[in-house]
């Protein structure tokens, strides 16, 4: 039953409850009472709480006080008011989107071919243009907006301003948070460079180099370079006029007028921010028993040095890997703290050192199996081998994670990835039971479109 049918049914019920012997004078008196009560109840309606609805109905005489007979003379007006309240409080409908310029977008993955642009059109009017050769995944969609992961390349967004809208674009360890605006975001995965060009509205950029978030206003450009551990904010016009340096920090600095630039060095971030590469990559939460004083595992003359976790938060992945190798990688894996193992795994993944990341995650599971990080390592190992082209091995890791942490933060992603991996290895029939389970547990999850497609005859 849709909204129109529900309202029609409410009206029918109201008409059935109106006695036929109501005279005009009584009806006029009740109408006057209704108008007066509506004026008195404006504050209650602004509050929007269902708990006030009964009091409001008593105020207009449609709900009797204890010991009183119900007044039905204006029941129809009360039904209309109730219908309006129901419509106002009815859950907003989830946004949908269509993809143009690519043949398919299974699981929310959109990859624009070389020389061709792909475009997403959301039902609220928001559009996302994906530059040729770029790749993006729509991770979550709800009534307020969407969370998208830009894997590589450039995306141009025109977000329709709406009350309570929430949109985000995650690129590597950064996140761009918006409500209604127009901007371009470019992520170069090879060298870990983020660029945000803001044309309209405002956005906030969070990540390892800006854990508290950096606000941008229209006409500004932000360039963050993980390898250098620096962020540059400059005038968009000045940076564009500096030449074809693709928004490099040096050219933007030279051209930006006084007061229009802001440089942030690697020491400005004390801990990881909220906008990680994905939920598992934020790395902000540390489990019980973890070390936070920044000392090295062997305690040899490093008490004043930043901890590995803080260095990863600031984008200094290379120094973490270099120090681990200097101390002896085998020794770190065997005797390092849980904090160091987690930071080493994160640094290795960000620096594309899959061999080190796999060893660190395996050591985390072996030495700290009961911790949240120990359980999460199973999912991360599965994702690594899955992305490496071994879906069969990935399924085993996903099953391990789901068995150890069925309500964990990556349960939806693990189940969705397992479904896709099983389809690749065993076909649609083998994946259908997993699709049914996924839709039962996560009906609005990122893999829901794939699950529904698998269940079609």
Protein backbone atom coordinates (compact mmCIF):
# COMPACT_ATOMS: atom_id res chain seq x y z
CA UNK A 1 0.00 0.00 0.00
CA UNK A 2 1.57 3.29 -1.09
CA UNK A 3 1.24 6.70 0.60
CA UNK A 4 -1.77 7.79 -1.49
CA UNK A 5 -3.66 4.58 -0.74
CA UNK A 6 -2.92 4.95 2.97
CA UNK A 7 -4.27 8.52 3.04
CA UNK A 8 -7.37 7.45 1.11
CA UNK A 9 -8.01 4.67 3.60
CA UNK A 10 -7.65 7.12 6.51
CA UNK A 11 -10.24 9.40 4.93
CA UNK A 12 -12.65 6.47 4.45
CA UNK A 13 -12.29 5.49 8.11
CA UNK A 14 -12.88 9.07 9.20
CA UNK A 15 -16.06 9.34 7.13
CA UNK A 16 -17.35 6.11 8.62
CA UNK A 17 -16.90 7.59 12.10
CA UNK A 18 -18.82 10.83 11.45
CA UNK A 19 -22.44 10.60 12.71
CA UNK A 20 -25.11 11.64 10.20
CA UNK A 21 -27.08 13.75 12.71
CA UNK A 22 -24.48 16.54 13.21
CA UNK A 23 -26.08 19.93 12.67
CA UNK A 24 -24.42 22.98 11.08
CA UNK A 25 -24.21 24.98 14.32
CA UNK A 26 -22.40 22.22 16.15
CA UNK A 27 -20.06 21.72 13.22
CA UNK A 28 -19.24 25.45 13.10
CA UNK A 29 -18.51 25.50 16.82
CA UNK A 30 -16.21 22.51 16.53
CA UNK A 31 -14.43 24.10 13.58
CA UNK A 32 -13.70 27.20 15.67
CA UNK A 33 -12.36 24.98 18.46
CA UNK A 34 -10.13 23.22 15.94
CA UNK A 35 -8.59 26.45 14.60
CA UNK A 36 -7.91 27.70 18.12
CA UNK A 37 -6.34 24.41 19.16
CA UNK A 38 -4.12 24.33 16.08
CA UNK A 39 -2.73 27.74 17.02
CA UNK A 40 -2.04 26.55 20.55
CA UNK A 41 -0.42 23.35 19.32
CA UNK A 42 2.08 24.97 16.93
CA UNK A 43 4.94 24.52 19.36
CA UNK A 44 4.06 20.85 19.78
CA UNK A 45 4.07 20.31 16.04
CA UNK A 46 7.45 22.01 15.70
CA UNK A 47 8.81 19.57 18.26
CA UNK A 48 7.82 16.72 15.97
CA UNK A 49 7.47 14.19 18.78
CA UNK A 50 4.87 11.47 18.52
CA UNK A 51 4.47 11.61 22.27
CA UNK A 52 2.73 15.00 21.88
CA UNK A 53 0.14 13.71 19.40
CA UNK A 54 -2.24 12.44 22.06
CA UNK A 55 -2.14 15.75 23.94
CA UNK A 56 -2.81 17.64 20.73
CA UNK A 57 -5.81 15.43 19.90
CA UNK A 58 -7.18 16.02 23.40
CA UNK A 59 -6.76 19.77 22.83
CA UNK A 60 -9.01 19.65 19.76
CA UNK A 61 -11.53 17.38 21.50
CA UNK A 62 -10.87 14.32 19.34
CA UNK A 63 -9.50 12.21 22.18
CA UNK A 64 -11.54 12.19 25.38
CA UNK A 65 -10.10 12.91 28.78
CA UNK A 66 -10.77 10.30 31.46
CA UNK A 67 -14.49 10.24 32.26
CA UNK A 68 -15.56 12.19 29.15
CA UNK A 69 -17.51 11.02 26.13
CA UNK A 70 -15.73 11.35 22.77
CA UNK A 71 -16.67 14.30 20.58
CA UNK A 72 -17.10 13.06 17.05
CA UNK A 73 -18.38 16.25 15.49
CA UNK A 74 -15.05 17.08 13.92
CA UNK A 75 -13.57 13.61 13.49
CA UNK A 76 -12.91 14.15 9.80
CA UNK A 77 -10.72 17.18 10.49
CA UNK A 78 -8.90 15.19 13.13
CA UNK A 79 -8.31 12.36 10.68
CA UNK A 80 -6.88 14.82 8.17
CA UNK A 81 -4.59 16.27 10.84
CA UNK A 82 -3.52 12.77 11.82
CA UNK A 83 -2.83 11.93 8.17
CA UNK A 84 -0.67 15.04 7.82
CA UNK A 85 1.29 14.02 10.93
CA UNK A 86 1.77 10.51 9.56
CA UNK A 87 3.04 11.85 6.24
CA UNK A 88 5.44 14.21 8.01
CA UNK A 89 6.80 11.43 10.22
CA UNK A 90 6.86 8.73 7.53
CA UNK A 91 10.41 7.45 6.87
CA UNK A 92 12.00 9.15 3.89
CA UNK A 93 12.47 7.00 0.83
CA UNK A 94 15.95 5.73 0.03
CA UNK A 95 17.65 7.46 -2.88
CA UNK A 96 18.30 5.54 -6.06
CA UNK A 97 20.69 6.21 -8.93
CA UNK A 98 21.30 5.38 -12.56
CA UNK A 99 24.67 4.93 -14.25
CA UNK A 100 25.38 6.25 -17.73
CA UNK A 101 28.38 5.64 -19.94
CA UNK A 102 29.34 2.13 -18.74
CA UNK A 103 27.88 -1.26 -19.55
CA UNK A 104 27.34 -2.37 -15.94
CA UNK A 105 27.91 -1.36 -12.34
CA UNK A 106 27.70 -4.58 -10.33
CA UNK A 107 28.01 -4.08 -6.60
CA UNK A 108 28.14 -0.31 -7.00
CA UNK A 109 31.49 -0.41 -8.85
CA UNK A 110 31.75 2.06 -11.73
CA UNK A 111 34.86 2.18 -13.91
CA UNK A 112 34.96 4.72 -16.73
CA UNK A 113 36.66 3.42 -19.84
CA UNK A 114 39.63 5.24 -21.35
CA UNK A 115 38.39 8.14 -23.43
CA UNK A 116 34.81 7.96 -22.08
CA UNK A 117 33.15 9.64 -19.12
CA UNK A 118 30.74 7.81 -16.79
CA UNK A 119 27.94 9.59 -14.96
CA UNK A 120 25.76 8.80 -11.95
CA UNK A 121 22.36 10.46 -11.59
CA UNK A 122 20.66 10.25 -8.20
CA UNK A 123 16.92 10.66 -7.74
CA UNK A 124 17.36 13.88 -5.75
CA UNK A 125 19.10 15.55 -8.70
CA UNK A 126 22.69 14.99 -7.52
CA UNK A 127 25.11 14.05 -10.30
CA UNK A 128 28.59 12.54 -10.26
CA UNK A 129 30.73 12.73 -13.42
CA UNK A 130 33.57 10.23 -13.48
CA UNK A 131 36.52 11.20 -15.67
CA UNK A 132 37.83 8.70 -18.27
CA UNK A 133 39.92 5.99 -16.67
CA UNK A 134 38.61 6.70 -13.17
CA UNK A 135 37.02 4.16 -10.83
CA UNK A 136 34.49 4.67 -8.04
CA UNK A 137 32.31 2.51 -5.82
CA UNK A 138 28.99 3.51 -4.27
CA UNK A 139 29.41 1.98 -0.82
CA UNK A 140 26.19 3.12 0.89
CA UNK A 141 22.99 4.89 -0.15
CA UNK A 142 20.12 6.01 2.06
CA UNK A 143 17.49 8.74 2.15
CA UNK A 144 19.98 11.44 3.13
CA UNK A 145 22.73 10.80 0.57
CA UNK A 146 25.49 8.38 -0.32
CA UNK A 147 29.00 7.35 0.67
CA UNK A 148 31.30 6.84 -2.32
CA UNK A 149 34.83 5.49 -2.56
CA UNK A 150 37.02 7.03 -5.27
CA UNK A 151 39.60 4.37 -6.05
CA UNK A 152 41.54 6.39 -8.60
CA UNK A 153 41.02 9.35 -10.93
CA UNK A 154 38.67 12.34 -10.81
CA UNK A 155 35.02 12.75 -9.89
CA UNK A 156 33.01 15.95 -10.33
CA UNK A 157 30.03 16.23 -8.00
CA UNK A 158 27.03 18.52 -8.08
CA UNK A 159 25.19 17.77 -4.84
CA UNK A 160 21.62 19.03 -4.57
CA UNK A 161 21.18 21.00 -1.31
CA UNK A 162 18.55 19.38 0.92
CA UNK A 163 17.80 19.52 4.66
CA UNK A 164 19.74 16.86 6.57
CA UNK A 165 21.60 15.77 3.43
CA UNK A 166 24.76 13.76 4.06
CA UNK A 167 27.21 12.90 1.29
CA UNK A 168 30.83 11.85 1.40
CA UNK A 169 33.56 10.91 -1.05
CA UNK A 170 36.41 8.84 0.36
CA UNK A 171 39.73 8.76 -1.46
CA UNK A 172 42.50 6.70 0.05
CA UNK A 173 42.69 7.68 3.73
CA UNK A 174 40.80 10.95 3.14
CA UNK A 175 37.11 11.80 3.22
CA UNK A 176 35.34 14.84 1.74
CA UNK A 177 32.12 15.56 3.66
CA UNK A 178 29.40 17.65 1.98
CA UNK A 179 25.73 18.58 2.21
CA UNK A 180 25.02 20.61 -0.92
CA UNK A 181 27.81 21.90 -3.13
CA UNK A 182 29.76 21.60 -6.38
CA UNK A 183 33.34 20.36 -6.35
CA UNK A 184 35.90 18.17 -8.08
CA UNK A 185 37.94 15.58 -6.20
CA UNK A 186 41.01 13.90 -7.69
CA UNK A 187 42.84 10.99 -6.10
CA UNK A 188 46.13 9.71 -7.53
CA UNK A 189 46.61 6.36 -5.90
CA UNK A 190 50.13 5.90 -7.20
CA UNK A 191 51.67 8.78 -5.26
CA UNK A 192 48.97 9.31 -2.63
CA UNK A 193 47.90 12.79 -3.72
CA UNK A 194 44.45 14.24 -3.09
CA UNK A 195 43.13 17.40 -4.72
CA UNK A 196 39.80 19.06 -4.01
CA UNK A 197 38.60 22.02 -6.11
CA UNK A 198 35.56 23.66 -4.49
CA UNK A 199 33.36 25.69 -6.85
CA UNK A 200 30.23 26.24 -4.74
CA UNK A 201 29.16 25.77 -1.14
CA UNK A 202 31.48 24.31 1.48
CA UNK A 203 33.07 20.98 2.32
CA UNK A 204 35.19 19.50 5.10
CA UNK A 205 38.19 17.30 4.31
CA UNK A 206 39.31 14.79 6.92
CA UNK A 207 42.15 12.31 6.93
CA UNK A 208 45.57 11.44 8.34
CA UNK A 209 46.92 14.95 7.77
CA UNK A 210 43.76 16.64 9.09
CA UNK A 211 42.10 14.49 11.77
CA UNK A 212 39.85 17.31 13.00
CA UNK A 213 38.79 18.26 9.47
CA UNK A 214 39.77 21.18 7.25
CA UNK A 215 36.86 23.35 6.07
CA UNK A 216 36.99 24.73 2.53
CA UNK A 217 34.96 27.57 1.09
CA UNK A 218 34.00 28.24 -2.50
CA UNK A 219 36.96 29.20 -4.67
CA UNK A 220 39.58 27.21 -2.74
CA UNK A 221 41.78 24.28 -3.68
CA UNK A 222 43.21 21.72 -1.27
CA UNK A 223 46.17 19.52 -2.18
CA UNK A 224 47.27 16.81 0.26
CA UNK A 225 50.42 14.77 -0.38
CA UNK A 226 50.83 11.74 1.83
CA UNK A 227 54.44 11.08 0.93
CA UNK A 228 55.52 14.59 1.86
CA UNK A 229 53.13 14.68 4.81
CA UNK A 230 51.81 18.14 3.86
CA UNK A 231 48.52 19.82 2.97
CA UNK A 232 48.21 23.03 0.95
CA UNK A 233 45.08 25.21 0.74
CA UNK A 234 45.18 27.99 -1.85
CA UNK A 235 43.01 30.18 -4.03
CA UNK A 236 41.50 28.11 -6.83
CA UNK A 237 41.88 30.91 -9.37
CA UNK A 238 45.48 31.55 -8.39
CA UNK A 239 46.38 27.87 -8.42
CA UNK A 240 44.78 27.38 -11.84
CA UNK A 241 46.66 30.36 -13.23
CA UNK A 242 49.97 28.98 -12.00
CA UNK A 243 50.23 26.61 -14.93
CA UNK A 244 49.77 22.94 -15.71
CA UNK A 245 51.28 21.72 -12.46
CA UNK A 246 48.06 19.84 -11.62
CA UNK A 247 47.61 21.79 -8.44
CA UNK A 248 51.04 21.03 -7.03
CA UNK A 249 51.81 22.52 -3.66
CA UNK A 250 54.81 24.48 -4.87
CA UNK A 251 53.05 26.17 -7.78
CA UNK A 252 49.98 26.95 -5.70
CA UNK A 253 52.12 28.48 -3.00
CA UNK A 254 53.98 30.68 -5.44
CA UNK A 255 50.88 32.05 -7.09
CA UNK A 256 48.46 32.41 -4.21
CA UNK A 257 48.08 35.91 -2.80
CA UNK A 258 48.81 36.68 0.83
CA UNK A 259 46.19 35.32 3.18
CA UNK A 260 44.91 32.84 0.59
CA UNK A 261 47.09 29.87 1.42
CA UNK A 262 47.51 27.58 4.34
CA UNK A 263 50.22 24.94 4.63
CA UNK A 264 50.01 22.13 7.13
CA UNK A 265 53.02 20.00 7.89
CA UNK A 266 53.29 16.43 9.04
CA UNK A 267 53.41 17.33 12.71
CA UNK A 268 49.93 18.86 12.73
CA UNK A 269 48.03 15.60 13.12
CA UNK A 270 48.21 13.90 16.48
CA UNK A 271 46.01 10.93 15.72
CA UNK A 272 43.93 9.33 12.97
CA UNK A 273 40.81 11.16 11.81
CA UNK A 274 37.31 9.92 11.15
CA UNK A 275 37.54 9.83 7.37
CA UNK A 276 39.62 6.76 6.52
CA UNK A 277 39.97 4.84 3.27
CA UNK A 278 37.01 2.84 4.48
CA UNK A 279 35.57 1.94 7.82
CA UNK A 280 38.35 -0.48 8.62
CA UNK A 281 41.14 1.91 7.59
CA UNK A 282 40.45 4.74 10.01
CA UNK A 283 42.64 3.07 12.62
CA UNK A 284 41.55 5.50 15.33
CA UNK A 285 40.25 2.98 17.87
CA UNK A 286 42.82 0.99 19.79
CA UNK A 287 41.87 -2.10 21.81
CA UNK A 288 42.53 -2.87 25.42
CA UNK A 289 46.17 -3.33 26.40
CA UNK A 290 47.51 -1.37 23.44
CA UNK A 291 50.49 0.93 23.86
CA UNK A 292 49.95 4.65 23.34
CA UNK A 293 53.07 6.26 24.77
CA UNK A 294 54.95 6.23 21.44
CA UNK A 295 57.88 4.15 22.67
CA UNK A 296 59.39 1.51 20.41
CA UNK A 297 58.79 -2.13 21.27
CA UNK A 298 62.36 -2.62 22.45
CA UNK A 299 62.31 0.70 24.36
CA UNK A 300 65.79 1.57 23.09
CA UNK A 301 66.14 5.35 23.01
CA UNK A 302 62.85 6.02 21.22
CA UNK A 303 60.70 7.34 24.04
CA UNK A 304 60.48 10.80 22.48
CA UNK A 305 59.71 9.58 18.96
CA UNK A 306 56.11 9.58 17.68
CA UNK A 307 54.45 6.21 17.83
CA UNK A 308 53.94 4.28 14.63
CA UNK A 309 50.21 4.83 14.95
CA UNK A 310 50.73 8.60 15.01
CA UNK A 311 53.09 8.44 12.07
CA UNK A 312 50.58 6.46 10.04
CA UNK A 313 47.94 9.03 11.03
CA UNK A 314 50.17 11.79 9.66
CA UNK A 315 50.80 9.90 6.41
CA UNK A 316 54.39 8.95 7.19
CA UNK A 317 54.16 5.34 6.03
CA UNK A 318 57.73 5.07 4.75
CA UNK A 319 59.38 5.79 8.08
CA UNK A 320 57.27 3.11 9.76
CA UNK A 321 58.32 0.53 7.19
CA UNK A 322 61.94 1.68 7.31
CA UNK A 323 62.10 1.50 11.10
CA UNK A 324 60.46 -1.93 11.13
CA UNK A 325 63.07 -3.22 8.71
CA UNK A 326 65.86 -1.54 10.69
CA UNK A 327 64.70 -3.15 13.93
CA UNK A 328 64.26 -6.45 12.15
CA UNK A 329 60.91 -7.26 10.62
CA UNK A 330 60.83 -10.77 12.08
CA UNK A 331 61.47 -9.43 15.57
CA UNK A 332 58.72 -6.82 15.25
CA UNK A 333 56.25 -9.46 14.11
CA UNK A 334 57.22 -11.79 16.97
CA UNK A 335 57.59 -9.29 19.82
CA UNK A 336 56.05 -5.98 18.78
CA UNK A 337 53.01 -4.55 20.56
CA UNK A 338 49.52 -4.83 19.13
CA UNK A 339 49.60 -1.11 18.33
CA UNK A 340 52.79 -1.55 16.33
CA UNK A 341 51.45 -4.54 14.41
CA UNK A 342 48.25 -2.70 13.49
CA UNK A 343 50.19 0.41 12.45
CA UNK A 344 52.67 -1.64 10.45
CA UNK A 345 49.87 -3.43 8.61
CA UNK A 346 48.17 -0.10 7.84
CA UNK A 347 51.41 1.51 6.66
CA UNK A 348 52.20 -1.47 4.44
CA UNK A 349 48.72 -1.45 2.87
CA UNK A 350 48.83 2.28 2.17
CA UNK A 351 52.35 1.98 0.73
CA UNK A 352 51.30 -0.98 -1.44
CA UNK A 353 53.60 -3.41 0.40
CA UNK A 354 51.23 -6.35 0.34
CA UNK A 355 53.83 -8.84 1.49
CA UNK A 356 54.53 -6.93 4.70
CA UNK A 357 50.85 -6.20 5.28
CA UNK A 358 49.98 -9.89 5.00
CA UNK A 359 52.69 -10.90 7.46
CA UNK A 360 51.63 -8.20 9.95
CA UNK A 361 47.97 -9.19 9.76
CA UNK A 362 48.82 -12.86 10.15
CA UNK A 363 50.96 -12.06 13.20
CA UNK A 364 48.13 -9.98 14.66
CA UNK A 365 45.76 -12.92 14.40
CA UNK A 366 48.27 -15.36 15.83
CA UNK A 367 49.39 -13.27 18.80
CA UNK A 368 46.18 -11.34 19.61
CA UNK A 369 43.34 -13.59 18.45
CA UNK A 370 40.72 -12.36 20.92
CA UNK A 371 41.03 -8.64 20.19
CA UNK A 372 38.88 -6.69 17.76
CA UNK A 373 41.97 -6.08 15.60
CA UNK A 374 42.79 -9.77 15.63
CA UNK A 375 39.31 -10.59 14.33
CA UNK A 376 39.32 -7.75 11.81
CA UNK A 377 42.61 -9.04 10.40
CA UNK A 378 40.71 -12.02 8.97
CA UNK A 379 38.53 -9.70 6.91
CA UNK A 380 41.50 -7.62 5.76
CA UNK A 381 43.39 -10.74 4.72
CA UNK A 382 40.36 -11.90 2.78
CA UNK A 383 40.04 -8.57 1.04
CA UNK A 384 43.72 -8.59 0.10
CA UNK A 385 43.62 -12.05 -1.51
CA UNK A 386 40.26 -11.23 -3.10
CA UNK A 387 41.64 -8.09 -4.72
CA UNK A 388 44.69 -10.11 -5.70
CA UNK A 389 42.56 -12.47 -7.81
CA UNK A 390 41.99 -15.42 -5.44
CA UNK A 391 38.24 -15.36 -4.63
CA UNK A 392 38.26 -18.95 -3.39
CA UNK A 393 40.82 -18.23 -0.70
CA UNK A 394 39.01 -15.00 0.14
CA UNK A 395 35.77 -16.86 0.89
CA UNK A 396 37.53 -18.86 3.60
CA UNK A 397 38.78 -15.67 5.26
CA UNK A 398 35.34 -14.02 5.01
CA UNK A 399 33.77 -17.07 6.65
CA UNK A 400 36.37 -16.90 9.41
CA UNK A 401 35.61 -13.27 10.11
CA UNK A 402 31.83 -13.79 10.05
CA UNK A 403 32.17 -16.74 12.46
CA UNK A 404 34.38 -14.81 14.87
CA UNK A 405 32.59 -11.46 14.62
CA UNK A 406 29.06 -11.92 13.18
CA UNK A 407 27.99 -8.48 14.35
CA UNK A 408 31.33 -6.80 13.66
CA UNK A 409 31.82 -3.54 11.78
CA UNK A 410 32.76 -5.35 8.55
CA UNK A 411 30.08 -8.04 8.64
CA UNK A 412 28.05 -6.54 5.80
CA UNK A 413 31.11 -6.01 3.62
CA UNK A 414 32.41 -9.52 4.33
CA UNK A 415 29.08 -11.15 3.49
CA UNK A 416 28.66 -9.06 0.34
CA UNK A 417 32.16 -9.81 -0.86
CA UNK A 418 31.67 -13.50 -0.09
CA UNK A 419 28.51 -13.50 -2.23
CA UNK A 420 30.36 -11.96 -5.18
CA UNK A 421 33.33 -14.31 -4.74
CA UNK A 422 31.09 -17.38 -4.61
CA UNK A 423 29.31 -16.28 -7.78
CA UNK A 424 32.69 -15.95 -9.51
CA UNK A 425 33.86 -19.38 -8.42
CA UNK A 426 30.62 -21.41 -8.23
CA UNK A 427 28.07 -19.56 -10.35
CA UNK A 428 24.76 -17.83 -9.66
CA UNK A 429 23.03 -20.86 -8.15
CA UNK A 430 25.71 -21.24 -5.50
CA UNK A 431 25.54 -17.54 -4.62
CA UNK A 432 21.74 -17.30 -4.29
CA UNK A 433 21.51 -18.56 -0.67
CA UNK A 434 24.12 -15.99 0.32
CA UNK A 435 22.17 -13.30 -1.53
CA UNK A 436 19.02 -14.20 0.41
CA UNK A 437 20.92 -14.00 3.69
CA UNK A 438 22.51 -10.69 2.72
CA UNK A 439 19.16 -9.06 1.90
CA UNK A 440 17.70 -10.37 5.14
CA UNK A 441 20.50 -8.86 7.21
CA UNK A 442 21.43 -5.82 5.13
CA UNK A 443 18.49 -4.85 2.88
CA UNK A 444 20.02 -1.45 2.18
CA UNK A 445 23.64 -2.49 2.04
CA UNK A 446 26.06 -1.66 -0.74
CA UNK A 447 25.75 -5.17 -2.23
CA UNK A 448 21.93 -5.25 -2.13
CA UNK A 449 21.55 -4.54 -5.89
CA UNK A 450 23.81 -7.49 -6.69
CA UNK A 451 21.90 -9.72 -4.28
CA UNK A 452 18.56 -8.79 -5.82
CA UNK A 453 19.94 -9.43 -9.30
CA UNK A 454 21.11 -12.90 -8.24
CA UNK A 455 17.63 -13.77 -6.95
CA UNK A 456 15.88 -12.85 -10.18
CA UNK A 457 14.74 -15.88 -12.21
